[in-house]
C-alpha atoms as a PDB file:
ATOM      1  CA  MET A   1      19.138   2.615 -32.948  1.00  0.00           C
ATOM      2  CA  ILE A   2      19.064   0.447 -29.812  1.00  0.00           C
ATOM      3  CA  THR A   3      21.739  -2.232 -29.728  1.00  0.00           C
ATOM      4  CA  CYS A   4      21.310  -5.794 -28.507  1.00  0.00           C
ATOM      5  CA  PHE A   5      23.624  -8.657 -27.489  1.00  0.00           C
ATOM      6  CA  ILE A   6      22.646 -12.337 -27.235  1.00  0.00           C
ATOM      7  CA  ALA A   7      24.363 -14.829 -24.913  1.00  0.00           C
ATOM      8  CA  GLU A   8      23.108 -18.387 -25.453  1.00  0.00           C
ATOM      9  CA  ASP A   9      25.074 -21.643 -25.563  1.00  0.00           C
ATOM     10  CA  GLU A  10      22.547 -23.455 -27.781  1.00  0.00           C
ATOM     11  CA  GLN A  11      23.690 -22.456 -31.264  1.00  0.00           C
ATOM     12  CA  ILE A  12      20.406 -23.256 -32.984  1.00  0.00           C
ATOM     13  CA  LEU A  13      18.428 -21.102 -30.560  1.00  0.00           C
ATOM     14  CA  ARG A  14      21.006 -18.302 -30.625  1.00  0.00           C
ATOM     15  CA  ARG A  15      21.112 -18.126 -34.416  1.00  0.00           C
ATOM     16  CA  GLY A  16      17.342 -18.456 -34.526  1.00  0.00           C
ATOM     17  CA  LEU A  17      16.909 -15.430 -32.280  1.00  0.00           C
ATOM     18  CA  ILE A  18      19.275 -13.410 -34.442  1.00  0.00           C
ATOM     19  CA  LEU A  19      17.947 -14.427 -37.845  1.00  0.00           C
ATOM     20  CA  THR A  20      14.207 -14.947 -37.374  1.00  0.00           C
ATOM     21  CA  ILE A  21      13.315 -11.882 -35.294  1.00  0.00           C
ATOM     22  CA  ASP A  22      12.758  -8.655 -37.268  1.00  0.00           C
ATOM     23  CA  TRP A  23      15.059  -6.513 -35.118  1.00  0.00           C
ATOM     24  CA  ASP A  24      15.019  -3.552 -37.514  1.00  0.00           C
ATOM     25  CA  LYS A  25      11.248  -3.275 -37.198  1.00  0.00           C
ATOM     26  CA  MET A  26      11.665  -2.861 -33.423  1.00  0.00           C
ATOM     27  CA  GLY A  27      14.386  -0.241 -33.865  1.00  0.00           C
ATOM     28  CA  CYS A  28      17.079  -2.677 -32.711  1.00  0.00           C
ATOM     29  CA  LYS A  29      20.308  -4.083 -34.045  1.00  0.00           C
ATOM     30  CA  VAL A  30      22.068  -7.247 -32.798  1.00  0.00           C
ATOM     31  CA  ILE A  31      25.723  -6.250 -32.486  1.00  0.00           C
ATOM     32  CA  GLY A  32      27.149  -9.376 -30.918  1.00  0.00           C
ATOM     33  CA  GLU A  33      26.647 -12.921 -29.683  1.00  0.00           C
ATOM     34  CA  ALA A  34      28.401 -15.406 -27.421  1.00  0.00           C
ATOM     35  CA  ALA A  35      28.130 -19.094 -26.566  1.00  0.00           C
ATOM     36  CA  ASN A  36      29.369 -18.831 -22.976  1.00  0.00           C
ATOM     37  CA  GLY A  37      29.357 -16.377 -20.083  1.00  0.00           C
ATOM     38  CA  ALA A  38      33.050 -15.482 -20.096  1.00  0.00           C
ATOM     39  CA  GLU A  39      33.037 -14.637 -23.801  1.00  0.00           C
ATOM     40  CA  ALA A  40      29.826 -12.679 -23.340  1.00  0.00           C
ATOM     41  CA  LEU A  41      31.334 -10.590 -20.531  1.00  0.00           C
ATOM     42  CA  MET A  42      34.393  -9.748 -22.611  1.00  0.00           C
ATOM     43  CA  LEU A  43      32.307  -8.697 -25.617  1.00  0.00           C
ATOM     44  CA  ILE A  44      29.788  -6.717 -23.541  1.00  0.00           C
ATOM     45  CA  LYS A  45      32.666  -4.701 -22.083  1.00  0.00           C
ATOM     46  CA  LYS A  46      33.833  -3.936 -25.607  1.00  0.00           C
ATOM     47  CA  LEU A  47      30.513  -3.426 -27.408  1.00  0.00           C
ATOM     48  CA  LYS A  48      28.411  -1.851 -24.624  1.00  0.00           C
ATOM     49  CA  PRO A  49      24.980  -2.939 -25.909  1.00  0.00           C
ATOM     50  CA  ASP A  50      21.739  -1.381 -24.665  1.00  0.00           C
ATOM     51  CA  ILE A  51      20.055  -4.772 -24.168  1.00  0.00           C
ATOM     52  CA  VAL A  52      21.553  -8.133 -23.195  1.00  0.00           C
ATOM     53  CA  ILE A  53      19.485 -11.273 -23.738  1.00  0.00           C
ATOM     54  CA  THR A  54      21.093 -14.134 -21.830  1.00  0.00           C
ATOM     55  CA  ASP A  55      20.423 -17.726 -20.930  1.00  0.00           C
ATOM     56  CA  ILE A  56      20.868 -18.677 -17.273  1.00  0.00           C
ATOM     57  CA  ARG A  57      22.736 -21.954 -17.770  1.00  0.00           C
ATOM     58  CA  MET A  58      25.906 -21.415 -19.846  1.00  0.00           C
ATOM     59  CA  PRO A  59      29.477 -22.764 -19.768  1.00  0.00           C
ATOM     60  CA  THR A  60      32.226 -20.895 -17.834  1.00  0.00           C
ATOM     61  CA  MET A  61      29.809 -18.405 -16.264  1.00  0.00           C
ATOM     62  CA  ASP A  62      26.035 -18.579 -15.764  1.00  0.00           C
ATOM     63  CA  GLY A  63      23.681 -15.801 -16.805  1.00  0.00           C
ATOM     64  CA  LEU A  64      23.068 -14.445 -13.304  1.00  0.00           C
ATOM     65  CA  SER A  65      26.814 -14.244 -12.617  1.00  0.00           C
ATOM     66  CA  LEU A  66      27.244 -12.519 -15.969  1.00  0.00           C
ATOM     67  CA  ILE A  67      24.667  -9.908 -14.960  1.00  0.00           C
ATOM     68  CA  GLU A  68      26.353  -9.348 -11.582  1.00  0.00           C
ATOM     69  CA  GLN A  69      29.734  -8.892 -13.281  1.00  0.00           C
ATOM     70  CA  CYS A  70      28.275  -6.471 -15.837  1.00  0.00           C
ATOM     71  CA  LEU A  71      26.650  -4.318 -13.159  1.00  0.00           C
ATOM     72  CA  GLY A  72      30.112  -3.512 -11.855  1.00  0.00           C
ATOM     73  CA  PHE A  73      30.938  -1.457 -14.943  1.00  0.00           C
ATOM     74  CA  TYR A  74      27.954  -1.187 -17.278  1.00  0.00           C
ATOM     75  CA  TYR A  75      24.169  -1.046 -17.047  1.00  0.00           C
ATOM     76  CA  PRO A  76      22.279  -2.484 -20.015  1.00  0.00           C
ATOM     77  CA  GLU A  77      18.748  -3.825 -19.766  1.00  0.00           C
ATOM     78  CA  PHE A  78      18.767  -7.590 -19.211  1.00  0.00           C
ATOM     79  CA  ILE A  79      16.278 -10.145 -20.495  1.00  0.00           C
ATOM     80  CA  ILE A  80      16.737 -13.693 -19.208  1.00  0.00           C
ATOM     81  CA  ILE A  81      15.751 -16.784 -21.160  1.00  0.00           C
ATOM     82  CA  SER A  82      15.823 -20.102 -19.360  1.00  0.00           C
ATOM     83  CA  GLY A  83      14.655 -23.678 -19.456  1.00  0.00           C
ATOM     84  CA  TYR A  84      14.313 -23.538 -15.686  1.00  0.00           C
ATOM     85  CA  ASN A  85      11.068 -22.184 -14.270  1.00  0.00           C
ATOM     86  CA  ASP A  86      12.648 -21.906 -10.836  1.00  0.00           C
ATOM     87  CA  PHE A  87      11.478 -19.279  -8.357  1.00  0.00           C
ATOM     88  CA  SER A  88      14.943 -18.925  -6.803  1.00  0.00           C
ATOM     89  CA  TYR A  89      16.373 -17.923 -10.199  1.00  0.00           C
ATOM     90  CA  ALA A  90      13.511 -15.509 -10.824  1.00  0.00           C
ATOM     91  CA  LYS A  91      13.862 -13.979  -7.352  1.00  0.00           C
ATOM     92  CA  LYS A  92      17.572 -13.287  -7.838  1.00  0.00           C
ATOM     93  CA  ALA A  93      16.895 -11.957 -11.332  1.00  0.00           C
ATOM     94  CA  ILE A  94      14.364  -9.492  -9.916  1.00  0.00           C
ATOM     95  CA  ARG A  95      16.859  -8.333  -7.277  1.00  0.00           C
ATOM     96  CA  LEU A  96      19.391  -7.683 -10.040  1.00  0.00           C
ATOM     97  CA  GLY A  97      16.853  -5.530 -11.871  1.00  0.00           C
ATOM     98  CA  VAL A  98      16.304  -7.874 -14.830  1.00  0.00           C
ATOM     99  CA  SER A  99      13.660  -6.505 -17.207  1.00  0.00           C
ATOM    100  CA  ASP A 100      12.002  -9.858 -17.890  1.00  0.00           C
ATOM    101  CA  TYR A 101      12.383 -13.607 -17.348  1.00  0.00           C
ATOM    102  CA  LEU A 102      11.219 -15.759 -20.275  1.00  0.00           C
ATOM    103  CA  CYS A 103      10.991 -19.551 -20.132  1.00  0.00           C
ATOM    104  CA  LYS A 104      11.949 -21.878 -22.963  1.00  0.00           C
ATOM    105  CA  PRO A 105      10.637 -22.739 -25.454  1.00  0.00           C
ATOM    106  CA  ILE A 106      10.681 -19.077 -26.388  1.00  0.00           C
ATOM    107  CA  ASP A 107       7.419 -17.636 -27.650  1.00  0.00           C
ATOM    108  CA  GLU A 108       8.466 -15.326 -30.496  1.00  0.00           C
ATOM    109  CA  GLU A 109       5.591 -12.898 -29.957  1.00  0.00           C
ATOM    110  CA  GLU A 110       6.250 -12.706 -26.221  1.00  0.00           C
ATOM    111  CA  LEU A 111       9.919 -11.959 -26.897  1.00  0.00           C
ATOM    112  CA  LYS A 112       9.002  -9.232 -29.394  1.00  0.00           C
ATOM    113  CA  GLN A 113       6.630  -7.597 -26.917  1.00  0.00           C
ATOM    114  CA  THR A 114       9.294  -7.756 -24.212  1.00  0.00           C
ATOM    115  CA  VAL A 115      11.968  -6.201 -26.429  1.00  0.00           C
ATOM    116  CA  GLU A 116       9.589  -3.446 -27.562  1.00  0.00           C
ATOM    117  CA  ARG A 117       8.697  -2.642 -23.940  1.00  0.00           C
ATOM    118  CA  VAL A 118      12.371  -2.552 -22.929  1.00  0.00           C
ATOM    119  CA  CYS A 119      13.191  -0.305 -25.911  1.00  0.00           C
ATOM    120  CA  LYS A 120      10.530   2.175 -24.800  1.00  0.00           C
ATOM    121  CA  LYS A 121      12.017   2.143 -21.303  1.00  0.00           C
ATOM    122  CA  ILE A 122      15.518   2.818 -22.666  1.00  0.00           C
ATOM    123  CA  ILE A 123      14.274   5.727 -24.768  1.00  0.00           C
ATOM    124  CA  LYS A 124      12.393   7.187 -21.790  1.00  0.00           C
ATOM    125  CA  ASN A 125      15.454   6.893 -19.532  1.00  0.00           C
ATOM    126  CA  ARG A 126      17.629   8.589 -22.146  1.00  0.00           C
ATOM    127  CA  GLU A 127      15.213  11.502 -22.275  1.00  0.00           C
ATOM    128  CA  GLU A 128      15.108  11.822 -18.487  1.00  0.00           C
ATOM    129  CA  LEU A 129      18.861  11.767 -17.865  1.00  0.00           C
ATOM    130  CA  PRO A 130      19.875  15.247 -16.670  1.00  0.00           C
ATOM    131  CA  PRO A 131      22.198  17.274 -18.904  1.00  0.00           C
ATOM    132  CA  ASN A 132      25.902  17.456 -18.156  1.00  0.00           C
ATOM    133  CA  ILE A 133      26.495  19.546 -15.046  1.00  0.00           C
ATOM    134  CA  PRO A 134      29.704  21.358 -14.002  1.00  0.00           C
ATOM    135  CA  VAL A 135      31.671  19.370 -11.440  1.00  0.00           C
ATOM    136  CA  LYS A 136      33.888  20.222  -8.529  1.00  0.00           C
ATOM    137  CA  ILE A 137      35.939  18.269  -6.016  1.00  0.00           C
ATOM    138  CA  ILE A 138      34.126  17.684  -2.732  1.00  0.00           C
ATOM    139  CA  THR A 139      36.330  15.281  -0.780  1.00  0.00           C
ATOM    140  CA  ALA A 140      39.918  14.766   0.133  1.00  0.00           C
ATOM    141  CA  ASN A 141      39.891  11.846  -2.299  1.00  0.00           C
ATOM    142  CA  ASP A 142      38.997  14.100  -5.231  1.00  0.00           C
ATOM    143  CA  ILE A 143      35.596  12.704  -6.140  1.00  0.00           C
ATOM    144  CA  PRO A 144      34.068  14.826  -8.903  1.00  0.00           C
ATOM    145  CA  PHE A 145      30.499  15.792  -8.038  1.00  0.00           C
ATOM    146  CA  ALA A 146      27.729  18.027  -9.272  1.00  0.00           C
ATOM    147  CA  GLN A 147      28.203  21.650  -8.267  1.00  0.00           C
ATOM    148  CA  PHE A 148      25.009  22.885  -6.654  1.00  0.00           C
ATOM    149  CA  LYS A 149      24.043  25.726  -4.376  1.00  0.00           C
ATOM    150  CA  GLU A 150      22.405  24.757  -1.097  1.00  0.00           C
ATOM    151  CA  TYR A 151      20.336  27.436   0.571  1.00  0.00           C
ATOM    152  CA  SER A 152      20.220  28.480   4.205  1.00  0.00           C
ATOM    153  CA  ASN A 153      17.828  30.573   6.273  1.00  0.00           C
ATOM    154  CA  GLU A 154      19.642  33.778   5.348  1.00  0.00           C
ATOM    155  CA  TYR A 155      17.563  33.658   2.148  1.00  0.00           C
ATOM    156  CA  ASN A 156      14.307  33.240   4.055  1.00  0.00           C
ATOM    157  CA  THR A 157      12.564  36.234   2.533  1.00  0.00           C
ATOM    158  CA  GLY A 158       9.994  36.852  -0.212  1.00  0.00           C
ATOM    159  CA  LYS A 159       9.878  34.381  -3.067  1.00  0.00           C
ATOM    160  CA  ASN A 160      12.838  32.484  -1.649  1.00  0.00           C
ATOM    161  CA  LYS A 161      10.523  31.059   1.019  1.00  0.00           C
ATOM    162  CA  TYR A 162       8.991  28.869  -1.662  1.00  0.00           C
ATOM    163  CA  ILE A 163      12.426  27.674  -2.734  1.00  0.00           C
ATOM    164  CA  LEU A 164      13.465  26.910   0.843  1.00  0.00           C
ATOM    165  CA  LYS A 165      10.265  24.995   1.458  1.00  0.00           C
ATOM    166  CA  ALA A 166      10.638  23.118  -1.827  1.00  0.00           C
ATOM    167  CA  ILE A 167      14.219  22.155  -1.037  1.00  0.00           C
ATOM    168  CA  ARG A 168      13.218  21.094   2.464  1.00  0.00           C
ATOM    169  CA  PHE A 169      10.463  18.935   0.980  1.00  0.00           C
ATOM    170  CA  ILE A 170      12.999  17.295  -1.349  1.00  0.00           C
ATOM    171  CA  GLU A 171      15.445  16.637   1.473  1.00  0.00           C
ATOM    172  CA  ASP A 172      12.702  15.110   3.630  1.00  0.00           C
ATOM    173  CA  ASN A 173      11.143  12.985   0.883  1.00  0.00           C
ATOM    174  CA  TYR A 174      13.849  12.128  -1.682  1.00  0.00           C
ATOM    175  CA  GLY A 175      13.475   8.420  -0.859  1.00  0.00           C
ATOM    176  CA  ARG A 176       9.918   8.407  -2.228  1.00  0.00           C
ATOM    177  CA  ASN A 177       8.696   8.734  -5.806  1.00  0.00           C
ATOM    178  CA  ILE A 178       8.118  12.484  -5.634  1.00  0.00           C
ATOM    179  CA  THR A 179       7.538  14.976  -8.442  1.00  0.00           C
ATOM    180  CA  ILE A 180       7.338  18.737  -8.724  1.00  0.00           C
ATOM    181  CA  ALA A 181       3.537  18.326  -8.676  1.00  0.00           C
ATOM    182  CA  ASP A 182       3.780  16.910  -5.134  1.00  0.00           C
ATOM    183  CA  VAL A 183       5.762  19.943  -3.993  1.00  0.00           C
ATOM    184  CA  CYS A 184       3.335  22.346  -5.636  1.00  0.00           C
ATOM    185  CA  ARG A 185       0.377  20.738  -3.896  1.00  0.00           C
ATOM    186  CA  LYS A 186       2.216  21.112  -0.607  1.00  0.00           C
ATOM    187  CA  LEU A 187       3.065  24.790  -1.231  1.00  0.00           C
ATOM    188  CA  ILE A 188      -0.234  25.570  -3.007  1.00  0.00           C
ATOM    189  CA  ILE A 189       1.463  27.139  -6.036  1.00  0.00           C
ATOM    190  CA  SER A 190       1.502  26.305  -9.749  1.00  0.00           C
ATOM    191  CA  GLU A 191       4.100  24.058 -11.361  1.00  0.00           C
ATOM    192  CA  SER A 192       5.046  26.729 -13.890  1.00  0.00           C
ATOM    193  CA  TYR A 193       5.686  29.244 -11.101  1.00  0.00           C
ATOM    194  CA  LEU A 194       7.837  26.863  -9.038  1.00  0.00           C
ATOM    195  CA  THR A 195       9.726  25.765 -12.144  1.00  0.00           C
ATOM    196  CA  LYS A 196      10.556  29.395 -12.879  1.00  0.00           C
ATOM    197  CA  LEU A 197      11.592  30.079  -9.261  1.00  0.00           C
ATOM    198  CA  PHE A 198      13.774  26.977  -9.100  1.00  0.00           C
ATOM    199  CA  LYS A 199      15.685  27.969 -12.205  1.00  0.00           C
ATOM    200  CA  GLU A 200      15.931  31.603 -11.109  1.00  0.00           C
ATOM    201  CA  TYR A 201      17.191  30.982  -7.576  1.00  0.00           C
ATOM    202  CA  THR A 202      19.225  27.786  -7.932  1.00  0.00           C
ATOM    203  CA  GLY A 203      20.248  27.746 -11.585  1.00  0.00           C
ATOM    204  CA  TYR A 204      18.979  24.174 -11.887  1.00  0.00           C
ATOM    205  CA  SER A 205      15.722  22.418 -12.586  1.00  0.00           C
ATOM    206  CA  PHE A 206      13.673  20.624  -9.956  1.00  0.00           C
ATOM    207  CA  ILE A 207      14.684  17.169 -11.252  1.00  0.00           C
ATOM    208  CA  GLU A 208      18.373  18.117 -11.334  1.00  0.00           C
ATOM    209  CA  TYR A 209      18.288  19.200  -7.711  1.00  0.00           C
ATOM    210  CA  LEU A 210      16.287  16.127  -6.655  1.00  0.00           C
ATOM    211  CA  THR A 211      18.792  13.880  -8.425  1.00  0.00           C
ATOM    212  CA  TYR A 212      21.683  15.662  -6.745  1.00  0.00           C
ATOM    213  CA  ILE A 213      20.181  15.143  -3.284  1.00  0.00           C
ATOM    214  CA  ARG A 214      19.528  11.476  -4.038  1.00  0.00           C
ATOM    215  CA  ILE A 215      23.008  10.771  -5.378  1.00  0.00           C
ATOM    216  CA  LYS A 216      24.662  12.634  -2.523  1.00  0.00           C
ATOM    217  CA  ASN A 217      22.778  10.566   0.033  1.00  0.00           C
ATOM    218  CA  ALA A 218      23.524   7.411  -1.948  1.00  0.00           C
ATOM    219  CA  CYS A 219      27.225   8.214  -1.538  1.00  0.00           C
ATOM    220  CA  ILE A 220      26.755   8.373   2.212  1.00  0.00           C
ATOM    221  CA  LEU A 221      24.899   5.056   2.241  1.00  0.00           C
ATOM    222  CA  LEU A 222      27.468   3.319   0.044  1.00  0.00           C
ATOM    223  CA  ASN A 223      30.205   4.103   2.552  1.00  0.00           C
ATOM    224  CA  ASN A 224      28.541   1.454   4.704  1.00  0.00           C
ATOM    225  CA  ASP A 225      30.142  -1.859   3.719  1.00  0.00           C
ATOM    226  CA  ASP A 226      27.030  -3.795   4.731  1.00  0.00           C
ATOM    227  CA  ILE A 227      24.618  -2.128   2.318  1.00  0.00           C
ATOM    228  CA  LYS A 228      24.062  -3.586  -1.143  1.00  0.00           C
ATOM    229  CA  ILE A 229      23.953  -1.314  -4.176  1.00  0.00           C
ATOM    230  CA  TYR A 230      20.339  -2.197  -5.008  1.00  0.00           C
ATOM    231  CA  ALA A 231      19.337  -1.433  -1.394  1.00  0.00           C
ATOM    232  CA  ALA A 232      21.057   1.973  -1.493  1.00  0.00           C
ATOM    233  CA  ALA A 233      19.278   2.727  -4.771  1.00  0.00           C
ATOM    234  CA  GLU A 234      15.881   1.908  -3.258  1.00  0.00           C
ATOM    235  CA  LYS A 235      16.538   3.998  -0.156  1.00  0.00           C
ATOM    236  CA  VAL A 236      17.172   7.114  -2.248  1.00  0.00           C
ATOM    237  CA  GLY A 237      14.150   6.616  -4.475  1.00  0.00           C
ATOM    238  CA  TYR A 238      15.304   4.437  -7.384  1.00  0.00           C
ATOM    239  CA  LYS A 239      13.671   1.047  -7.996  1.00  0.00           C
ATOM    240  CA  ASP A 240      15.715   0.451 -11.154  1.00  0.00           C
ATOM    241  CA  GLN A 241      19.314  -0.304 -10.171  1.00  0.00           C
ATOM    242  CA  ARG A 242      20.649   0.181 -13.698  1.00  0.00           C
ATOM    243  CA  TYR A 243      19.099   3.628 -14.028  1.00  0.00           C
ATOM    244  CA  PHE A 244      20.430   4.546 -10.575  1.00  0.00           C
ATOM    245  CA  SER A 245      23.908   3.316 -11.518  1.00  0.00           C
ATOM    246  CA  ALA A 246      23.891   5.304 -14.765  1.00  0.00           C
ATOM    247  CA  LEU A 247      22.938   8.476 -12.896  1.00  0.00           C
ATOM    248  CA  PHE A 248      25.477   7.778 -10.157  1.00  0.00           C
ATOM    249  CA  LYS A 249      28.313   7.484 -12.662  1.00  0.00           C
ATOM    250  CA  LYS A 250      27.122  10.589 -14.533  1.00  0.00           C
ATOM    251  CA  TYR A 251      27.285  12.658 -11.342  1.00  0.00           C
ATOM    252  CA  THR A 252      30.351  11.162  -9.614  1.00  0.00           C
ATOM    253  CA  GLY A 253      32.435   9.725 -12.414  1.00  0.00           C
ATOM    254  CA  LEU A 254      32.383   6.320 -10.699  1.00  0.00           C
ATOM    255  CA  THR A 255      30.095   3.325 -10.729  1.00  0.00           C
ATOM    256  CA  PRO A 256      28.501   2.500  -7.350  1.00  0.00           C
ATOM    257  CA  LYS A 257      30.676  -0.619  -7.190  1.00  0.00           C
ATOM    258  CA  GLN A 258      33.856   1.397  -7.817  1.00  0.00           C
ATOM    259  CA  PHE A 259      32.731   3.896  -5.207  1.00  0.00           C
ATOM    260  CA  LYS A 260      32.250   1.172  -2.591  1.00  0.00           C
ATOM    261  CA  GLU A 261      35.500  -0.593  -3.417  1.00  0.00           C
ATOM    262  CA  ARG A 262      37.546   2.575  -3.108  1.00  0.00           C
ATOM    263  CA  GLN A 263      35.758   3.480   0.148  1.00  0.00           C
ATOM    264  CA  TYR A 264      35.407   7.174  -0.468  1.00  0.00           C
ATOM    265  CA  THR A 265      34.061   9.346   2.297  1.00  0.00           C
ATOM    266  CA  VAL A 266      31.489  11.979   1.415  1.00  0.00           C
ATOM    267  CA  GLU A 267      31.542  15.228   3.335  1.00  0.00           C
ATOM    268  CA  LYS A 268      28.475  16.471   5.166  1.00  0.00           C
ATOM    269  CA  ALA A 269      26.015  18.514   3.187  1.00  0.00           C
ATOM    270  CA  SER A 270      27.037  21.674   4.984  1.00  0.00           C
ATOM    271  CA  ASP A 271      30.606  21.216   3.723  1.00  0.00           C
ATOM    272  CA  ILE A 272      29.697  20.804   0.065  1.00  0.00           C
END
């Protein structure tokens, strides 16, 4: 069951969203509500919903500020509802990775379609998250990180040549939306064969290794105080900041914001 939280200061609209929408039919459950941003933030921290539907204009804290605060510790999907069809709001919402921006008066069918689409995205992301991976300490500051093998030219023989070339392709292209199919076209081998080789010689799947390379390079980028989290995510191949943040925490034990605030220093790849 996918959980949902509604933050809306207009009581009639808030109760209407909760009571008139058939949430069960969409595989959802409303687990909380709030009439202002500060209360919403407190409850989101406690309840950890999968989806947050929030108005932009609310007492104590507006919806965009609420989203920014949430992204420091938790990464639900956000749907904004607003009486303001203002491009500046929409632009900032897009930068924050909001799933959709709906204008009042709310069209019930449009909201249902939006929630259904977001639910499918959540389910897909859950399926794609890599399994738990053994961790080790890689810096003087004791950051836990995925334990991977990285291969050097001493293995440049036989079948390992394919692995070396595949890893080199990943390291050169991790910032793009690459798949194992792209690597196979480059190496002129089948996906099933490369999948088998990757598991045999590295102990990990292609997507696990790609994710590792991306997160490691994200750590390096986030040590730069000037770079924003969403910009670091895009540079390492993730358009969805929430998905990036969830992966980052899974691999490092820290949110990107925590990582930046504590100013950890990641060792060079050759030292990992």
